């Protein structure tokens, strides 16, 4: 072994779980949509519309300040 080679760890490394941010976000969204409490479609649509309005209002308020 030369000094240019990295030293090997004494303990074998365990395999690390890696997930992208997008994959994690998708899991959260899927869990929200496919959750056990299946609401009627119009209730889901209304909730999405309310969330969109709130997001736009927040964005507008942040631009104004």
N, C-alpha and C. Protein backbone atom coordinates (compact mmCIF):
# COMPACT_ATOMS: atom_id res chain seq x y z
N UNK A 1 0.85 -1.19 0.00
CA UNK A 1 0.00 0.00 0.00
C UNK A 1 0.89 1.24 0.00
N UNK A 2 0.58 2.17 -0.88
CA UNK A 2 1.33 3.42 -0.92
C UNK A 2 0.57 4.50 -0.17
N UNK A 3 1.20 5.61 0.03
CA UNK A 3 0.55 6.70 0.77
C UNK A 3 -0.58 7.33 -0.04
N UNK A 4 -0.62 7.08 -1.35
CA UNK A 4 -1.67 7.65 -2.19
C UNK A 4 -2.98 6.88 -2.06
N UNK A 5 -2.92 5.64 -1.57
CA UNK A 5 -4.13 4.84 -1.43
C UNK A 5 -4.84 5.19 -0.13
N UNK A 6 -6.17 5.28 -0.17
CA UNK A 6 -6.89 5.59 1.07
C UNK A 6 -6.83 4.42 2.05
N UNK A 7 -6.82 4.75 3.32
CA UNK A 7 -6.82 3.71 4.35
C UNK A 7 -8.19 3.05 4.40
N UNK A 8 -8.20 1.75 4.56
CA UNK A 8 -9.46 1.02 4.63
C UNK A 8 -10.02 1.14 6.04
N UNK A 9 -11.33 1.31 6.17
CA UNK A 9 -11.91 1.39 7.52
C UNK A 9 -11.80 0.03 8.22
N UNK A 10 -11.67 0.07 9.55
CA UNK A 10 -11.53 -1.15 10.33
C UNK A 10 -12.82 -1.95 10.31
N UNK A 11 -13.96 -1.26 10.26
CA UNK A 11 -15.27 -1.91 10.28
C UNK A 11 -15.89 -1.77 8.90
N UNK A 12 -16.43 -2.84 8.36
CA UNK A 12 -17.08 -2.70 7.05
C UNK A 12 -18.25 -1.73 7.13
N UNK A 13 -18.39 -0.91 6.11
CA UNK A 13 -19.46 0.10 6.10
C UNK A 13 -20.78 -0.55 5.75
N UNK A 14 -21.81 -0.10 6.41
CA UNK A 14 -23.15 -0.59 6.08
C UNK A 14 -23.67 0.19 4.89
N UNK A 15 -24.54 -0.40 4.15
CA UNK A 15 -25.10 0.26 2.98
C UNK A 15 -26.05 1.36 3.44
N UNK A 16 -25.85 2.56 2.94
CA UNK A 16 -26.67 3.70 3.34
C UNK A 16 -27.86 3.83 2.39
N UNK A 17 -28.98 4.17 2.97
CA UNK A 17 -30.18 4.39 2.17
C UNK A 17 -30.14 5.82 1.65
N UNK A 18 -30.32 5.97 0.35
CA UNK A 18 -30.31 7.30 -0.25
C UNK A 18 -31.58 7.49 -1.06
N UNK A 19 -32.21 8.62 -0.87
CA UNK A 19 -33.41 8.93 -1.64
C UNK A 19 -33.34 10.40 -2.04
N UNK A 20 -33.78 10.68 -3.21
CA UNK A 20 -33.77 12.06 -3.66
C UNK A 20 -34.89 12.84 -2.98
N UNK A 21 -34.76 14.11 -2.99
CA UNK A 21 -35.79 14.97 -2.40
C UNK A 21 -37.10 14.80 -3.14
N UNK A 22 -37.01 14.67 -4.46
CA UNK A 22 -38.22 14.50 -5.25
C UNK A 22 -38.93 13.20 -4.89
N UNK A 23 -38.17 12.12 -4.71
CA UNK A 23 -38.78 10.85 -4.34
C UNK A 23 -39.44 10.94 -2.97
N UNK A 24 -38.79 11.62 -2.03
CA UNK A 24 -39.38 11.77 -0.70
C UNK A 24 -40.66 12.59 -0.78
N UNK A 25 -40.65 13.66 -1.57
CA UNK A 25 -41.84 14.48 -1.74
C UNK A 25 -42.98 13.66 -2.36
N UNK A 26 -42.62 12.84 -3.35
CA UNK A 26 -43.64 12.02 -4.00
C UNK A 26 -44.25 11.03 -3.02
N UNK A 27 -43.44 10.46 -2.15
CA UNK A 27 -43.97 9.54 -1.14
C UNK A 27 -44.97 10.23 -0.22
N UNK A 28 -44.64 11.47 0.16
CA UNK A 28 -45.54 12.23 1.03
C UNK A 28 -46.85 12.52 0.31
N UNK A 29 -46.74 12.96 -0.94
CA UNK A 29 -47.95 13.27 -1.71
C UNK A 29 -48.80 12.02 -1.94
N UNK A 30 -48.14 10.89 -2.24
CA UNK A 30 -48.88 9.64 -2.44
C UNK A 30 -49.59 9.23 -1.16
N UNK A 31 -48.90 9.37 -0.05
CA UNK A 31 -49.51 9.00 1.23
C UNK A 31 -50.72 9.88 1.51
N UNK A 32 -50.60 11.15 1.16
CA UNK A 32 -51.72 12.08 1.39
C UNK A 32 -52.90 11.71 0.48
N UNK A 33 -52.59 11.41 -0.78
CA UNK A 33 -53.67 11.13 -1.73
C UNK A 33 -54.27 9.75 -1.53
N UNK A 34 -53.43 8.76 -1.30
CA UNK A 34 -53.91 7.39 -1.18
C UNK A 34 -54.12 6.98 0.28
N UNK A 35 -54.30 7.95 1.15
CA UNK A 35 -54.47 7.65 2.57
C UNK A 35 -55.70 6.81 2.84
N UNK A 36 -55.80 6.35 4.05
CA UNK A 36 -56.90 5.46 4.41
C UNK A 36 -58.25 6.18 4.44
N UNK A 37 -58.22 7.49 4.65
CA UNK A 37 -59.48 8.23 4.70
C UNK A 37 -59.82 8.74 3.29
N UNK A 38 -60.46 7.89 2.52
CA UNK A 38 -60.83 8.26 1.16
C UNK A 38 -62.02 9.19 1.19
N UNK A 39 -61.76 10.44 0.87
CA UNK A 39 -62.82 11.44 0.84
C UNK A 39 -63.43 11.50 -0.55
N UNK A 40 -64.64 11.99 -0.67
CA UNK A 40 -65.24 12.14 -2.00
C UNK A 40 -64.40 13.08 -2.86
N UNK A 41 -64.50 12.88 -4.16
CA UNK A 41 -63.69 13.66 -5.09
C UNK A 41 -63.90 15.16 -4.94
N UNK A 42 -65.12 15.60 -4.77
CA UNK A 42 -65.36 17.05 -4.68
C UNK A 42 -64.71 17.64 -3.44
N UNK A 43 -64.61 16.85 -2.36
CA UNK A 43 -63.95 17.34 -1.15
C UNK A 43 -62.45 17.48 -1.39
N UNK A 44 -61.86 16.50 -2.09
CA UNK A 44 -60.43 16.57 -2.42
C UNK A 44 -60.15 17.75 -3.34
N UNK A 45 -61.01 17.94 -4.34
CA UNK A 45 -60.84 19.05 -5.29
C UNK A 45 -60.93 20.38 -4.56
N UNK A 46 -61.90 20.49 -3.65
CA UNK A 46 -62.05 21.74 -2.89
C UNK A 46 -60.83 22.01 -2.03
N UNK A 47 -60.30 20.96 -1.38
CA UNK A 47 -59.11 21.13 -0.54
C UNK A 47 -57.92 21.58 -1.38
N UNK A 48 -57.76 21.00 -2.57
CA UNK A 48 -56.66 21.41 -3.45
C UNK A 48 -56.84 22.86 -3.89
N UNK A 49 -58.06 23.25 -4.20
CA UNK A 49 -58.32 24.63 -4.61
C UNK A 49 -58.03 25.60 -3.47
N UNK A 50 -58.44 25.24 -2.26
CA UNK A 50 -58.18 26.10 -1.11
C UNK A 50 -56.68 26.23 -0.86
N UNK A 51 -55.95 25.12 -1.03
CA UNK A 51 -54.50 25.17 -0.83
C UNK A 51 -53.85 26.05 -1.89
N UNK A 52 -54.34 25.97 -3.14
CA UNK A 52 -53.79 26.80 -4.21
C UNK A 52 -54.04 28.28 -3.93
N UNK A 53 -55.23 28.61 -3.47
CA UNK A 53 -55.55 30.01 -3.15
C UNK A 53 -54.66 30.51 -2.02
N UNK A 54 -54.47 29.67 -0.99
CA UNK A 54 -53.62 30.07 0.13
C UNK A 54 -52.17 30.26 -0.33
N UNK A 55 -51.68 29.38 -1.20
CA UNK A 55 -50.31 29.52 -1.71
C UNK A 55 -50.15 30.80 -2.52
N UNK A 56 -51.14 31.11 -3.36
CA UNK A 56 -51.06 32.34 -4.16
C UNK A 56 -51.13 33.57 -3.27
N UNK A 57 -51.98 33.52 -2.25
CA UNK A 57 -52.10 34.65 -1.33
C UNK A 57 -50.78 34.87 -0.59
N UNK A 58 -50.15 33.78 -0.14
CA UNK A 58 -48.87 33.89 0.55
C UNK A 58 -47.81 34.46 -0.37
N UNK A 59 -47.75 33.96 -1.61
CA UNK A 59 -46.77 34.46 -2.57
C UNK A 59 -46.98 35.95 -2.83
N UNK A 60 -48.23 36.36 -2.96
CA UNK A 60 -48.53 37.78 -3.18
C UNK A 60 -48.09 38.61 -1.99
N UNK A 61 -48.38 38.15 -0.78
CA UNK A 61 -48.01 38.88 0.42
C UNK A 61 -46.49 38.96 0.58
N UNK A 62 -45.80 37.88 0.21
CA UNK A 62 -44.32 37.91 0.32
C UNK A 62 -43.72 38.88 -0.70
N UNK A 63 -44.31 38.96 -1.90
CA UNK A 63 -43.81 39.93 -2.89
C UNK A 63 -44.07 41.36 -2.42
N UNK A 64 -45.19 41.59 -1.76
CA UNK A 64 -45.58 42.94 -1.33
C UNK A 64 -44.70 43.44 -0.18
N UNK A 65 -44.19 42.51 0.63
CA UNK A 65 -43.39 42.96 1.80
C UNK A 65 -41.92 43.09 1.49
